[in-house]
Amino acid sequence: MIGNVMVHRRHRFSPEFKDEAVKLVESRVSVAEAACQLGLLEQTLRNWVETRRKTRVRSLR
């Protein structure tokens, strides 16, 4: 905290970490549970899963 303002630092995750996190969800672990296990925000993991789905759809075209 700086003064009265909360400072949020952006975390950077490797492509490998993101890939493994998405695979966990694809293996039928809920996004909420996987995010909890990995110390992520649920929305962050949802974004990664959605990005993976969009990438796959584009590659099928």
N, C-alpha and C. Protein backbone atom coordinates (compact mmCIF):
# COMPACT_ATOMS: atom_id res chain seq x y z
N MET A 1 0.85 -1.17 0.00
CA MET A 1 0.00 0.00 0.00
C MET A 1 0.90 1.23 0.00
N ILE A 2 0.60 2.16 -0.88
CA ILE A 2 1.33 3.42 -0.95
C ILE A 2 0.35 4.51 -0.53
N GLY A 3 0.62 5.14 0.59
CA GLY A 3 -0.33 6.11 1.12
C GLY A 3 -1.63 5.40 1.42
N ASN A 4 -2.73 5.87 0.86
CA ASN A 4 -4.03 5.24 1.02
C ASN A 4 -4.45 4.46 -0.21
N VAL A 5 -3.54 4.25 -1.13
CA VAL A 5 -3.86 3.59 -2.40
C VAL A 5 -3.27 2.18 -2.40
N MET A 6 -4.12 1.21 -2.70
CA MET A 6 -3.64 -0.17 -2.82
C MET A 6 -2.92 -0.33 -4.15
N VAL A 7 -1.78 -0.94 -4.14
CA VAL A 7 -1.02 -1.18 -5.35
C VAL A 7 -1.14 -2.67 -5.67
N HIS A 8 -1.61 -2.95 -6.86
CA HIS A 8 -1.71 -4.34 -7.29
C HIS A 8 -0.62 -4.61 -8.32
N ARG A 9 0.18 -5.59 -8.04
CA ARG A 9 1.23 -5.93 -8.99
C ARG A 9 0.72 -7.01 -9.92
N ARG A 10 1.02 -6.83 -11.15
CA ARG A 10 0.62 -7.80 -12.16
C ARG A 10 1.58 -8.97 -12.15
N HIS A 11 1.04 -10.15 -12.08
CA HIS A 11 1.88 -11.34 -12.12
C HIS A 11 2.07 -11.75 -13.57
N ARG A 12 3.23 -12.26 -13.86
CA ARG A 12 3.49 -12.81 -15.19
C ARG A 12 3.65 -14.31 -15.04
N PHE A 13 2.94 -15.04 -15.87
CA PHE A 13 2.99 -16.49 -15.82
C PHE A 13 3.56 -17.01 -17.13
N SER A 14 4.37 -18.03 -17.03
CA SER A 14 4.98 -18.59 -18.24
C SER A 14 3.91 -19.28 -19.08
N PRO A 15 4.16 -19.40 -20.38
CA PRO A 15 3.22 -20.13 -21.24
C PRO A 15 3.03 -21.57 -20.76
N GLU A 16 4.07 -22.16 -20.22
CA GLU A 16 3.98 -23.54 -19.73
C GLU A 16 3.03 -23.64 -18.53
N PHE A 17 3.11 -22.66 -17.62
CA PHE A 17 2.22 -22.65 -16.46
C PHE A 17 0.77 -22.50 -16.90
N LYS A 18 0.53 -21.57 -17.84
CA LYS A 18 -0.82 -21.36 -18.35
C LYS A 18 -1.35 -22.63 -19.00
N ASP A 19 -0.50 -23.27 -19.78
CA ASP A 19 -0.89 -24.50 -20.48
C ASP A 19 -1.29 -25.59 -19.48
N GLU A 20 -0.51 -25.76 -18.44
CA GLU A 20 -0.82 -26.77 -17.43
C GLU A 20 -2.09 -26.42 -16.66
N ALA A 21 -2.30 -25.15 -16.39
CA ALA A 21 -3.52 -24.72 -15.70
C ALA A 21 -4.76 -25.02 -16.54
N VAL A 22 -4.68 -24.74 -17.84
CA VAL A 22 -5.81 -25.01 -18.74
C VAL A 22 -6.04 -26.51 -18.84
N LYS A 23 -4.98 -27.29 -18.91
CA LYS A 23 -5.12 -28.75 -18.97
C LYS A 23 -5.82 -29.29 -17.73
N LEU A 24 -5.56 -28.68 -16.59
CA LEU A 24 -6.22 -29.10 -15.35
C LEU A 24 -7.73 -28.91 -15.48
N VAL A 25 -8.15 -27.79 -16.02
CA VAL A 25 -9.59 -27.54 -16.22
C VAL A 25 -10.15 -28.51 -17.25
N GLU A 26 -9.40 -28.78 -18.29
CA GLU A 26 -9.86 -29.70 -19.33
C GLU A 26 -9.96 -31.13 -18.83
N SER A 27 -9.28 -31.42 -17.73
CA SER A 27 -9.34 -32.77 -17.15
C SER A 27 -10.50 -32.91 -16.17
N ARG A 28 -11.45 -31.97 -16.25
CA ARG A 28 -12.70 -32.00 -15.48
C ARG A 28 -12.58 -31.48 -14.07
N VAL A 29 -11.51 -30.73 -13.77
CA VAL A 29 -11.43 -30.02 -12.50
C VAL A 29 -12.12 -28.68 -12.74
N SER A 30 -12.98 -28.24 -11.83
CA SER A 30 -13.68 -26.97 -12.04
C SER A 30 -12.70 -25.81 -12.07
N VAL A 31 -13.09 -24.75 -12.76
CA VAL A 31 -12.25 -23.56 -12.81
C VAL A 31 -12.00 -23.04 -11.39
N ALA A 32 -13.04 -23.04 -10.57
CA ALA A 32 -12.90 -22.55 -9.20
C ALA A 32 -11.87 -23.37 -8.42
N GLU A 33 -11.97 -24.69 -8.52
CA GLU A 33 -11.05 -25.56 -7.79
C GLU A 33 -9.62 -25.42 -8.31
N ALA A 34 -9.48 -25.43 -9.63
CA ALA A 34 -8.14 -25.30 -10.22
C ALA A 34 -7.51 -23.97 -9.85
N ALA A 35 -8.28 -22.89 -9.91
CA ALA A 35 -7.77 -21.57 -9.56
C ALA A 35 -7.32 -21.55 -8.10
N CYS A 36 -8.11 -22.15 -7.24
CA CYS A 36 -7.76 -22.22 -5.81
C CYS A 36 -6.46 -23.01 -5.61
N GLN A 37 -6.36 -24.14 -6.26
CA GLN A 37 -5.16 -24.98 -6.14
C GLN A 37 -3.90 -24.25 -6.62
N LEU A 38 -4.07 -23.43 -7.66
CA LEU A 38 -2.92 -22.77 -8.28
C LEU A 38 -2.69 -21.35 -7.76
N GLY A 39 -3.57 -20.87 -6.89
CA GLY A 39 -3.41 -19.53 -6.35
C GLY A 39 -3.72 -18.43 -7.36
N LEU A 40 -4.69 -18.71 -8.24
CA LEU A 40 -5.08 -17.75 -9.28
C LEU A 40 -6.46 -17.20 -9.00
N LEU A 41 -6.76 -16.07 -9.60
CA LEU A 41 -8.14 -15.59 -9.62
C LEU A 41 -8.90 -16.45 -10.63
N GLU A 42 -10.15 -16.76 -10.31
CA GLU A 42 -10.96 -17.57 -11.22
C GLU A 42 -11.05 -16.94 -12.60
N GLN A 43 -11.24 -15.62 -12.64
CA GLN A 43 -11.41 -14.96 -13.94
C GLN A 43 -10.14 -15.06 -14.79
N THR A 44 -9.00 -15.03 -14.16
CA THR A 44 -7.74 -15.18 -14.90
C THR A 44 -7.71 -16.54 -15.60
N LEU A 45 -8.04 -17.58 -14.85
CA LEU A 45 -8.03 -18.92 -15.42
C LEU A 45 -9.11 -19.07 -16.49
N ARG A 46 -10.28 -18.49 -16.26
CA ARG A 46 -11.34 -18.51 -17.29
C ARG A 46 -10.85 -17.86 -18.58
N ASN A 47 -10.14 -16.75 -18.45
CA ASN A 47 -9.61 -16.07 -19.63
C ASN A 47 -8.65 -16.97 -20.40
N TRP A 48 -7.78 -17.67 -19.68
CA TRP A 48 -6.83 -18.57 -20.34
C TRP A 48 -7.55 -19.71 -21.05
N VAL A 49 -8.57 -20.27 -20.41
CA VAL A 49 -9.34 -21.36 -21.01
C VAL A 49 -10.04 -20.86 -22.28
N GLU A 50 -10.64 -19.69 -22.20
CA GLU A 50 -11.35 -19.13 -23.36
C GLU A 50 -10.38 -18.84 -24.51
N THR A 51 -9.21 -18.32 -24.19
CA THR A 51 -8.20 -18.05 -25.21
C THR A 51 -7.79 -19.35 -25.90
N ARG A 52 -7.62 -20.41 -25.12
CA ARG A 52 -7.25 -21.71 -25.69
C ARG A 52 -8.34 -22.21 -26.62
N ARG A 53 -9.61 -22.09 -26.22
CA ARG A 53 -10.73 -22.55 -27.05
C ARG A 53 -10.78 -21.77 -28.36
N LYS A 54 -10.60 -20.47 -28.29
CA LYS A 54 -10.63 -19.64 -29.51
C LYS A 54 -9.48 -20.00 -30.44
N THR A 55 -8.31 -20.26 -29.87
CA THR A 55 -7.15 -20.64 -30.67
C THR A 55 -7.40 -21.96 -31.38
N ARG A 56 -8.01 -22.91 -30.69
CA ARG A 56 -8.30 -24.21 -31.30
C ARG A 56 -9.33 -24.09 -32.42
N VAL A 57 -10.35 -23.27 -32.21
CA VAL A 57 -11.37 -23.09 -33.23
C VAL A 57 -10.75 -22.49 -34.49
N ARG A 58 -9.89 -21.50 -34.32
CA ARG A 58 -9.23 -20.88 -35.47
C ARG A 58 -8.35 -21.87 -36.21
N SER A 59 -7.66 -22.75 -35.47
CA SER A 59 -6.77 -23.70 -36.11
C SER A 59 -7.53 -24.79 -36.87
N LEU A 60 -8.80 -24.99 -36.55
CA LEU A 60 -9.61 -26.00 -37.23
C LEU A 60 -10.17 -25.49 -38.55
N ARG A 61 -10.15 -24.21 -38.74
CA ARG A 61 -10.73 -23.61 -39.96
C ARG A 61 -9.82 -23.75 -41.15
